[in-house]
Amino acid sequence: MLQLKIRSENWSGNSNNPISSKEWLQLVDSDKKLSIDNKNGDFFAIWSGHSEYDEPWLDWNDGRISTKHPDEAIYCKVLQIANKLNAI
């Protein structure tokens, strides 16, 4: 499992706070390759980018964004999201 857990003002993590559901939904809304898939939950998103999986996904829960068994493409997407949200 790969997770983004907190946002931090610096890499030491002294000032951390969880990613809010509102931030997650705004990010999904602003990304043409992400879309919410309500059949799996209010915060479950499918990524339409190139992946070895048919439906690569990301999910938000309790301040964390996660996915399971990411291939290289999904891993790179998670890094892109981490950068946008200043998350680690």
PDB file of N, CA and C in Angstrom:
ATOM      1  N   MET A   1       0.842  -1.172   0.000  1.00  0.00           N
ATOM      2  CA  MET A   1       0.000   0.000   0.000  1.00  0.00           C
ATOM      3  C   MET A   1       0.890   1.238   0.000  1.00  0.00           C
ATOM      4  N   LEU A   2       0.490   2.231  -0.758  1.00  0.00           N
ATOM      5  CA  LEU A   2       1.186   3.505  -0.821  1.00  0.00           C
ATOM      6  C   LEU A   2       0.242   4.573  -0.302  1.00  0.00           C
ATOM      7  N   GLN A   3       0.708   5.407   0.645  1.00  0.00           N
ATOM      8  CA  GLN A   3      -0.149   6.420   1.263  1.00  0.00           C
ATOM      9  C   GLN A   3       0.537   7.769   1.329  1.00  0.00           C
ATOM     10  N   LEU A   4      -0.278   8.820   1.158  1.00  0.00           N
ATOM     11  CA  LEU A   4       0.114  10.181   1.497  1.00  0.00           C
ATOM     12  C   LEU A   4      -0.618  10.484   2.780  1.00  0.00           C
ATOM     13  N   LYS A   5       0.099  10.808   3.844  1.00  0.00           N
ATOM     14  CA  LYS A   5      -0.538  10.938   5.150  1.00  0.00           C
ATOM     15  C   LYS A   5      -0.686  12.362   5.641  1.00  0.00           C
ATOM     16  N   ILE A   6       0.351  13.173   5.507  1.00  0.00           N
ATOM     17  CA  ILE A   6       0.304  14.506   6.103  1.00  0.00           C
ATOM     18  C   ILE A   6       0.892  15.541   5.162  1.00  0.00           C
ATOM     19  N   ARG A   7       0.543  16.780   5.434  1.00  0.00           N
ATOM     20  CA  ARG A   7       1.194  17.891   4.762  1.00  0.00           C
ATOM     21  C   ARG A   7       2.147  18.498   5.757  1.00  0.00           C
ATOM     22  N   SER A   8       3.234  19.005   5.256  1.00  0.00           N
ATOM     23  CA  SER A   8       4.247  19.533   6.160  1.00  0.00           C
ATOM     24  C   SER A   8       4.858  20.800   5.589  1.00  0.00           C
ATOM     25  N   GLU A   9       5.140  21.752   6.468  1.00  0.00           N
ATOM     26  CA  GLU A   9       5.798  22.987   6.052  1.00  0.00           C
ATOM     27  C   GLU A   9       7.260  22.729   5.713  1.00  0.00           C
ATOM     28  N   ASN A  10       7.834  21.687   6.291  1.00  0.00           N
ATOM     29  CA  ASN A  10       9.217  21.331   5.978  1.00  0.00           C
ATOM     30  C   ASN A  10       9.349  19.817   6.067  1.00  0.00           C
ATOM     31  N   TRP A  11      10.427  19.291   5.540  1.00  0.00           N
ATOM     32  CA  TRP A  11      10.583  17.838   5.465  1.00  0.00           C
ATOM     33  C   TRP A  11      10.760  17.174   6.824  1.00  0.00           C
ATOM     34  N   SER A  12      11.052  17.936   7.874  1.00  0.00           N
ATOM     35  CA  SER A  12      11.178  17.312   9.191  1.00  0.00           C
ATOM     36  C   SER A  12       9.817  16.966   9.775  1.00  0.00           C
ATOM     37  N   GLY A  13       8.751  17.494   9.184  1.00  0.00           N
ATOM     38  CA  GLY A  13       7.406  17.143   9.624  1.00  0.00           C
ATOM     39  C   GLY A  13       6.974  17.805  10.909  1.00  0.00           C
ATOM     40  N   ASN A  14       7.611  18.897  11.297  1.00  0.00           N
ATOM     41  CA  ASN A  14       7.251  19.549  12.554  1.00  0.00           C
ATOM     42  C   ASN A  14       5.868  20.177  12.529  1.00  0.00           C
ATOM     43  N   SER A  15       5.408  20.571  11.374  1.00  0.00           N
ATOM     44  CA  SER A  15       4.105  21.225  11.266  1.00  0.00           C
ATOM     45  C   SER A  15       3.224  20.397  10.342  1.00  0.00           C
ATOM     46  N   ASN A  16       2.619  19.332  10.871  1.00  0.00           N
ATOM     47  CA  ASN A  16       1.841  18.464  10.001  1.00  0.00           C
ATOM     48  C   ASN A  16       0.354  18.626  10.237  1.00  0.00           C
ATOM     49  N   ASN A  17      -0.390  18.381   9.192  1.00  0.00           N
ATOM     50  CA  ASN A  17      -1.840  18.381   9.264  1.00  0.00           C
ATOM     51  C   ASN A  17      -2.371  17.464   8.173  1.00  0.00           C
ATOM     52  N   PRO A  18      -3.476  16.814   8.422  1.00  0.00           N
ATOM     53  CA  PRO A  18      -4.003  15.848   7.456  1.00  0.00           C
ATOM     54  C   PRO A  18      -4.546  16.539   6.208  1.00  0.00           C
ATOM     55  N   ILE A  19      -4.614  15.776   5.147  1.00  0.00           N
ATOM     56  CA  ILE A  19      -5.225  16.241   3.903  1.00  0.00           C
ATOM     57  C   ILE A  19      -6.735  16.166   4.097  1.00  0.00           C
ATOM     58  N   SER A  20      -7.432  17.258   3.862  1.00  0.00           N
ATOM     59  CA  SER A  20      -8.885  17.276   4.077  1.00  0.00           C
ATOM     60  C   SER A  20      -9.620  16.655   2.889  1.00  0.00           C
ATOM     61  N   SER A  21     -10.826  16.181   3.146  1.00  0.00           N
ATOM     62  CA  SER A  21     -11.644  15.627   2.070  1.00  0.00           C
ATOM     63  C   SER A  21     -11.934  16.697   1.023  1.00  0.00           C
ATOM     64  N   LYS A  22     -12.116  17.929   1.461  1.00  0.00           N
ATOM     65  CA  LYS A  22     -12.379  19.037   0.530  1.00  0.00           C
ATOM     66  C   LYS A  22     -11.192  19.241  -0.410  1.00  0.00           C
ATOM     67  N   GLU A  23      -9.975  19.205   0.138  1.00  0.00           N
ATOM     68  CA  GLU A  23      -8.772  19.347  -0.692  1.00  0.00           C
ATOM     69  C   GLU A  23      -8.675  18.212  -1.708  1.00  0.00           C
ATOM     70  N   TRP A  24      -8.973  17.006  -1.269  1.00  0.00           N
ATOM     71  CA  TRP A  24      -8.924  15.846  -2.152  1.00  0.00           C
ATOM     72  C   TRP A  24      -9.926  16.007  -3.286  1.00  0.00           C
ATOM     73  N   LEU A  25     -11.163  16.361  -2.960  1.00  0.00           N
ATOM     74  CA  LEU A  25     -12.187  16.511  -3.992  1.00  0.00           C
ATOM     75  C   LEU A  25     -11.851  17.647  -4.954  1.00  0.00           C
ATOM     76  N   GLN A  26     -11.282  18.732  -4.459  1.00  0.00           N
ATOM     77  CA  GLN A  26     -10.861  19.832  -5.331  1.00  0.00           C
ATOM     78  C   GLN A  26      -9.752  19.377  -6.275  1.00  0.00           C
ATOM     79  N   LEU A  27      -8.815  18.599  -5.759  1.00  0.00           N
ATOM     80  CA  LEU A  27      -7.738  18.094  -6.601  1.00  0.00           C
ATOM     81  C   LEU A  27      -8.293  17.176  -7.684  1.00  0.00           C
ATOM     82  N   VAL A  28      -9.183  16.267  -7.309  1.00  0.00           N
ATOM     83  CA  VAL A  28      -9.790  15.357  -8.284  1.00  0.00           C
ATOM     84  C   VAL A  28     -10.541  16.156  -9.341  1.00  0.00           C
ATOM     85  N   ASP A  29     -11.296  17.157  -8.912  1.00  0.00           N
ATOM     86  CA  ASP A  29     -12.077  17.982  -9.833  1.00  0.00           C
ATOM     87  C   ASP A  29     -11.185  18.743 -10.812  1.00  0.00           C
ATOM     88  N   SER A  30     -10.005  19.124 -10.379  1.00  0.00           N
ATOM     89  CA  SER A  30      -9.106  19.913 -11.229  1.00  0.00           C
ATOM     90  C   SER A  30      -8.212  19.054 -12.127  1.00  0.00           C
ATOM     91  N   ASP A  31      -8.235  17.751 -11.945  1.00  0.00           N
ATOM     92  CA  ASP A  31      -7.379  16.841 -12.710  1.00  0.00           C
ATOM     93  C   ASP A  31      -8.231  16.082 -13.725  1.00  0.00           C
ATOM     94  N   LYS A  32      -7.997  16.316 -15.008  1.00  0.00           N
ATOM     95  CA  LYS A  32      -8.806  15.706 -16.070  1.00  0.00           C
ATOM     96  C   LYS A  32      -8.712  14.183 -16.104  1.00  0.00           C
ATOM     97  N   LYS A  33      -7.682  13.628 -15.497  1.00  0.00           N
ATOM     98  CA  LYS A  33      -7.508  12.169 -15.532  1.00  0.00           C
ATOM     99  C   LYS A  33      -7.989  11.469 -14.267  1.00  0.00           C
ATOM    100  N   LEU A  34      -8.525  12.225 -13.320  1.00  0.00           N
ATOM    101  CA  LEU A  34      -9.096  11.641 -12.105  1.00  0.00           C
ATOM    102  C   LEU A  34     -10.597  11.874 -12.091  1.00  0.00           C
ATOM    103  N   SER A  35     -11.345  10.881 -11.652  1.00  0.00           N
ATOM    104  CA  SER A  35     -12.798  11.039 -11.505  1.00  0.00           C
ATOM    105  C   SER A  35     -13.279  10.195 -10.328  1.00  0.00           C
ATOM    106  N   ILE A  36     -14.212  10.759  -9.583  1.00  0.00           N
ATOM    107  CA  ILE A  36     -14.783  10.040  -8.439  1.00  0.00           C
ATOM    108  C   ILE A  36     -15.655   8.900  -8.949  1.00  0.00           C
ATOM    109  N   ASP A  37     -15.508   7.749  -8.335  1.00  0.00           N
ATOM    110  CA  ASP A  37     -16.286   6.552  -8.654  1.00  0.00           C
ATOM    111  C   ASP A  37     -17.144   6.231  -7.435  1.00  0.00           C
ATOM    112  N   ASN A  38     -18.330   6.820  -7.383  1.00  0.00           N
ATOM    113  CA  ASN A  38     -19.188   6.731  -6.194  1.00  0.00           C
ATOM    114  C   ASN A  38     -19.591   5.314  -5.812  1.00  0.00           C
ATOM    115  N   LYS A  39     -19.545   4.370  -6.734  1.00  0.00           N
ATOM    116  CA  LYS A  39     -19.938   2.998  -6.370  1.00  0.00           C
ATOM    117  C   LYS A  39     -18.976   2.397  -5.342  1.00  0.00           C
ATOM    118  N   ASN A  40     -17.779   2.977  -5.249  1.00  0.00           N
ATOM    119  CA  ASN A  40     -16.789   2.500  -4.283  1.00  0.00           C
ATOM    120  C   ASN A  40     -16.589   3.445  -3.116  1.00  0.00           C
ATOM    121  N   GLY A  41     -17.350   4.526  -3.056  1.00  0.00           N
ATOM    122  CA  GLY A  41     -17.236   5.473  -1.955  1.00  0.00           C
ATOM    123  C   GLY A  41     -17.171   6.906  -2.446  1.00  0.00           C
ATOM    124  N   ASP A  42     -17.470   7.824  -1.564  1.00  0.00           N
ATOM    125  CA  ASP A  42     -17.531   9.242  -1.919  1.00  0.00           C
ATOM    126  C   ASP A  42     -16.184   9.841  -2.293  1.00  0.00           C
ATOM    127  N   PHE A  43     -15.095   9.202  -1.915  1.00  0.00           N
ATOM    128  CA  PHE A  43     -13.763   9.771  -2.127  1.00  0.00           C
ATOM    129  C   PHE A  43     -12.856   8.857  -2.955  1.00  0.00           C
ATOM    130  N   PHE A  44     -13.440   7.826  -3.548  1.00  0.00           N
ATOM    131  CA  PHE A  44     -12.709   6.847  -4.349  1.00  0.00           C
ATOM    132  C   PHE A  44     -12.586   7.374  -5.775  1.00  0.00           C
ATOM    133  N   ALA A  45     -11.356   7.516  -6.266  1.00  0.00           N
ATOM    134  CA  ALA A  45     -11.141   8.078  -7.601  1.00  0.00           C
ATOM    135  C   ALA A  45     -10.454   7.070  -8.521  1.00  0.00           C
ATOM    136  N   ILE A  46     -10.894   7.068  -9.760  1.00  0.00           N
ATOM    137  CA  ILE A  46     -10.267   6.272 -10.810  1.00  0.00           C
ATOM    138  C   ILE A  46      -9.354   7.199 -11.609  1.00  0.00           C
ATOM    139  N   TRP A  47      -8.166   6.713 -11.932  1.00  0.00           N
ATOM    140  CA  TRP A  47      -7.221   7.483 -12.732  1.00  0.00           C
ATOM    141  C   TRP A  47      -7.228   6.918 -14.146  1.00  0.00           C
ATOM    142  N   SER A  48      -7.429   7.768 -15.144  1.00  0.00           N
ATOM    143  CA  SER A  48      -7.506   7.317 -16.538  1.00  0.00           C
ATOM    144  C   SER A  48      -6.164   7.385 -17.258  1.00  0.00           C
ATOM    145  N   GLY A  49      -5.093   7.591 -16.518  1.00  0.00           N
ATOM    146  CA  GLY A  49      -3.758   7.613 -17.121  1.00  0.00           C
ATOM    147  C   GLY A  49      -3.294   6.217 -17.498  1.00  0.00           C
ATOM    148  N   HIS A  50      -2.147   6.152 -18.146  1.00  0.00           N
ATOM    149  CA  HIS A  50      -1.585   4.872 -18.589  1.00  0.00           C
ATOM    150  C   HIS A  50      -1.116   4.053 -17.383  1.00  0.00           C
ATOM    151  N   SER A  51      -1.631   2.852 -17.276  1.00  0.00           N
ATOM    152  CA  SER A  51      -1.277   1.950 -16.185  1.00  0.00           C
ATOM    153  C   SER A  51      -1.403   0.518 -16.669  1.00  0.00           C
ATOM    154  N   GLU A  52      -0.719  -0.382 -16.007  1.00  0.00           N
ATOM    155  CA  GLU A  52      -0.873  -1.797 -16.349  1.00  0.00           C
ATOM    156  C   GLU A  52      -2.184  -2.364 -15.807  1.00  0.00           C
ATOM    157  N   TYR A  53      -2.866  -1.612 -14.963  1.00  0.00           N
ATOM    158  CA  TYR A  53      -4.148  -2.038 -14.400  1.00  0.00           C
ATOM    159  C   TYR A  53      -5.307  -1.443 -15.197  1.00  0.00           C
ATOM    160  N   ASP A  54      -6.430  -2.159 -15.232  1.00  0.00           N
ATOM    161  CA  ASP A  54      -7.607  -1.680 -15.957  1.00  0.00           C
ATOM    162  C   ASP A  54      -8.206  -0.428 -15.329  1.00  0.00           C
ATOM    163  N   GLU A  55      -8.286  -0.392 -14.020  1.00  0.00           N
ATOM    164  CA  GLU A  55      -8.871   0.750 -13.315  1.00  0.00           C
ATOM    165  C   GLU A  55      -7.976   1.148 -12.146  1.00  0.00           C
ATOM    166  N   PRO A  56      -6.881   1.833 -12.412  1.00  0.00           N
ATOM    167  CA  PRO A  56      -6.035   2.278 -11.309  1.00  0.00           C
ATOM    168  C   PRO A  56      -6.798   3.270 -10.439  1.00  0.00           C
ATOM    169  N   TRP A  57      -6.651   3.134  -9.135  1.00  0.00           N
ATOM    170  CA  TRP A  57      -7.470   3.943  -8.228  1.00  0.00           C
ATOM    171  C   TRP A  57      -6.644   4.571  -7.120  1.00  0.00           C
ATOM    172  N   LEU A  58      -7.253   5.621  -6.551  1.00  0.00           N
ATOM    173  CA  LEU A  58      -6.736   6.311  -5.372  1.00  0.00           C
ATOM    174  C   LEU A  58      -7.936   6.576  -4.481  1.00  0.00           C
ATOM    175  N   ASP A  59      -7.743   6.505  -3.189  1.00  0.00           N
ATOM    176  CA  ASP A  59      -8.854   6.719  -2.261  1.00  0.00           C
ATOM    177  C   ASP A  59      -8.406   7.632  -1.130  1.00  0.00           C
ATOM    178  N   TRP A  60      -9.309   8.492  -0.684  1.00  0.00           N
ATOM    179  CA  TRP A  60      -9.060   9.340   0.481  1.00  0.00           C
ATOM    180  C   TRP A  60      -9.846   8.768   1.653  1.00  0.00           C
ATOM    181  N   ASN A  61      -9.200   8.688   2.827  1.00  0.00           N
ATOM    182  CA  ASN A  61      -9.873   8.254   4.045  1.00  0.00           C
ATOM    183  C   ASN A  61      -9.110   8.811   5.240  1.00  0.00           C
ATOM    184  N   ASP A  62      -9.804   9.507   6.099  1.00  0.00           N
ATOM    185  CA  ASP A  62      -9.239   9.980   7.364  1.00  0.00           C
ATOM    186  C   ASP A  62      -7.916  10.737   7.184  1.00  0.00           C
ATOM    187  N   GLY A  63      -7.894  11.636   6.207  1.00  0.00           N
ATOM    188  CA  GLY A  63      -6.717  12.469   5.990  1.00  0.00           C
ATOM    189  C   GLY A  63      -5.614  11.853   5.158  1.00  0.00           C
ATOM    190  N   ARG A  64      -5.830  10.622   4.673  1.00  0.00           N
ATOM    191  CA  ARG A  64      -4.813   9.919   3.889  1.00  0.00           C
ATOM    192  C   ARG A  64      -5.325   9.597   2.489  1.00  0.00           C
ATOM    193  N   ILE A  65      -4.435   9.689   1.528  1.00  0.00           N
ATOM    194  CA  ILE A  65      -4.724   9.250   0.167  1.00  0.00           C
ATOM    195  C   ILE A  65      -3.916   7.979  -0.044  1.00  0.00           C
ATOM    196  N   SER A  66      -4.576   6.930  -0.525  1.00  0.00           N
ATOM    197  CA  SER A  66      -3.874   5.650  -0.654  1.00  0.00           C
ATOM    198  C   SER A  66      -4.258   4.918  -1.926  1.00  0.00           C
ATOM    199  N   THR A  67      -3.440   3.944  -2.274  1.00  0.00           N
ATOM    200  CA  THR A  67      -3.701   2.991  -3.336  1.00  0.00           C
ATOM    201  C   THR A  67      -2.956   1.713  -2.967  1.00  0.00           C
ATOM    202  N   LYS A  68      -3.314   0.606  -3.589  1.00  0.00           N
ATOM    203  CA  LYS A  68      -2.634  -0.667  -3.309  1.00  0.00           C
ATOM    204  C   LYS A  68      -1.921  -1.157  -4.562  1.00  0.00           C
ATOM    205  N   HIS A  69      -0.768  -1.760  -4.353  1.00  0.00           N
ATOM    206  CA  HIS A  69       0.016  -2.393  -5.413  1.00  0.00           C
ATOM    207  C   HIS A  69       0.215  -1.470  -6.619  1.00  0.00           C
ATOM    208  N   PRO A  70       0.755  -0.268  -6.400  1.00  0.00           N
ATOM    209  CA  PRO A  70       0.904   0.655  -7.530  1.00  0.00           C
ATOM    210  C   PRO A  70       1.975   0.192  -8.520  1.00  0.00           C
ATOM    211  N   ASP A  71       1.664   0.356  -9.797  1.00  0.00           N
ATOM    212  CA  ASP A  71       2.704   0.169 -10.797  1.00  0.00           C
ATOM    213  C   ASP A  71       3.484   1.487 -10.895  1.00  0.00           C
ATOM    214  N   GLU A  72       4.465   1.541 -11.766  1.00  0.00           N
ATOM    215  CA  GLU A  72       5.307   2.737 -11.854  1.00  0.00           C
ATOM    216  C   GLU A  72       4.497   3.980 -12.216  1.00  0.00           C
ATOM    217  N   ALA A  73       3.519   3.840 -13.106  1.00  0.00           N
ATOM    218  CA  ALA A  73       2.712   4.987 -13.524  1.00  0.00           C
ATOM    219  C   ALA A  73       1.881   5.540 -12.362  1.00  0.00           C
ATOM    220  N   ILE A  74       1.278   4.667 -11.574  1.00  0.00           N
ATOM    221  CA  ILE A  74       0.480   5.121 -10.429  1.00  0.00           C
ATOM    222  C   ILE A  74       1.396   5.736  -9.374  1.00  0.00           C
ATOM    223  N   TYR A  75       2.543   5.136  -9.161  1.00  0.00           N
ATOM    224  CA  TYR A  75       3.511   5.686  -8.215  1.00  0.00           C
ATOM    225  C   TYR A  75       3.884   7.114  -8.613  1.00  0.00           C
ATOM    226  N   CYS A  76       4.139   7.330  -9.899  1.00  0.00           N
ATOM    227  CA  CYS A  76       4.469   8.679 -10.378  1.00  0.00           C
ATOM    228  C   CYS A  76       3.295   9.633 -10.185  1.00  0.00           C
ATOM    229  N   LYS A  77       2.078   9.148 -10.385  1.00  0.00           N
ATOM    230  CA  LYS A  77       0.894   9.991 -10.172  1.00  0.00           C
ATOM    231  C   LYS A  77       0.783  10.375  -8.701  1.00  0.00           C
ATOM    232  N   VAL A  78       1.024   9.447  -7.805  1.00  0.00           N
ATOM    233  CA  VAL A  78       0.977   9.744  -6.370  1.00  0.00           C
ATOM    234  C   VAL A  78       2.033  10.789  -6.009  1.00  0.00           C
ATOM    235  N   LEU A  79       3.213  10.694  -6.591  1.00  0.00           N
ATOM    236  CA  LEU A  79       4.245  11.705  -6.343  1.00  0.00           C
ATOM    237  C   LEU A  79       3.802  13.076  -6.845  1.00  0.00           C
ATOM    238  N   GLN A  80       3.127  13.105  -7.982  1.00  0.00           N
ATOM    239  CA  GLN A  80       2.596  14.365  -8.516  1.00  0.00           C
ATOM    240  C   GLN A  80       1.559  14.954  -7.560  1.00  0.00           C
ATOM    241  N   ILE A  81       0.677  14.119  -7.040  1.00  0.00           N
ATOM    242  CA  ILE A  81      -0.341  14.566  -6.086  1.00  0.00           C
ATOM    243  C   ILE A  81       0.326  15.060  -4.805  1.00  0.00           C
ATOM    244  N   ALA A  82       1.323  14.331  -4.340  1.00  0.00           N
ATOM    245  CA  ALA A  82       2.043  14.749  -3.131  1.00  0.00           C
ATOM    246  C   ALA A  82       2.644  16.133  -3.313  1.00  0.00           C
ATOM    247  N   ASN A  83       3.205  16.382  -4.466  1.00  0.00           N
ATOM    248  CA  ASN A  83       3.788  17.687  -4.749  1.00  0.00           C
ATOM    249  C   ASN A  83       2.718  18.782  -4.729  1.00  0.00           C
ATOM    250  N   LYS A  84       1.577  18.518  -5.353  1.00  0.00           N
ATOM    251  CA  LYS A  84       0.492  19.509  -5.390  1.00  0.00           C
ATOM    252  C   LYS A  84      -0.055  19.818  -4.003  1.00  0.00           C
ATOM    253  N   LEU A  85      -0.103  18.804  -3.139  1.00  0.00           N
ATOM    254  CA  LEU A  85      -0.677  18.979  -1.802  1.00  0.00           C
ATOM    255  C   LEU A  85       0.388  19.228  -0.732  1.00  0.00           C
ATOM    256  N   ASN A  86       1.643  19.295  -1.146  1.00  0.00           N
ATOM    257  CA  ASN A  86       2.748  19.443  -0.195  1.00  0.00           C
ATOM    258  C   ASN A  86       2.667  18.350   0.876  1.00  0.00           C
ATOM    259  N   ALA A  87       2.494  17.118   0.405  1.00  0.00           N
ATOM    260  CA  ALA A  87       2.281  15.978   1.312  1.00  0.00           C
ATOM    261  C   ALA A  87       3.488  15.053   1.310  1.00  0.00           C
ATOM    262  N   ILE A  88       3.606  14.274   2.383  1.00  0.00           N
ATOM    263  CA  ILE A  88       4.662  13.264   2.482  1.00  0.00           C
ATOM    264  C   ILE A  88       4.052  11.931   2.868  1.00  0.00           C
TER     265      ILE A  88
END
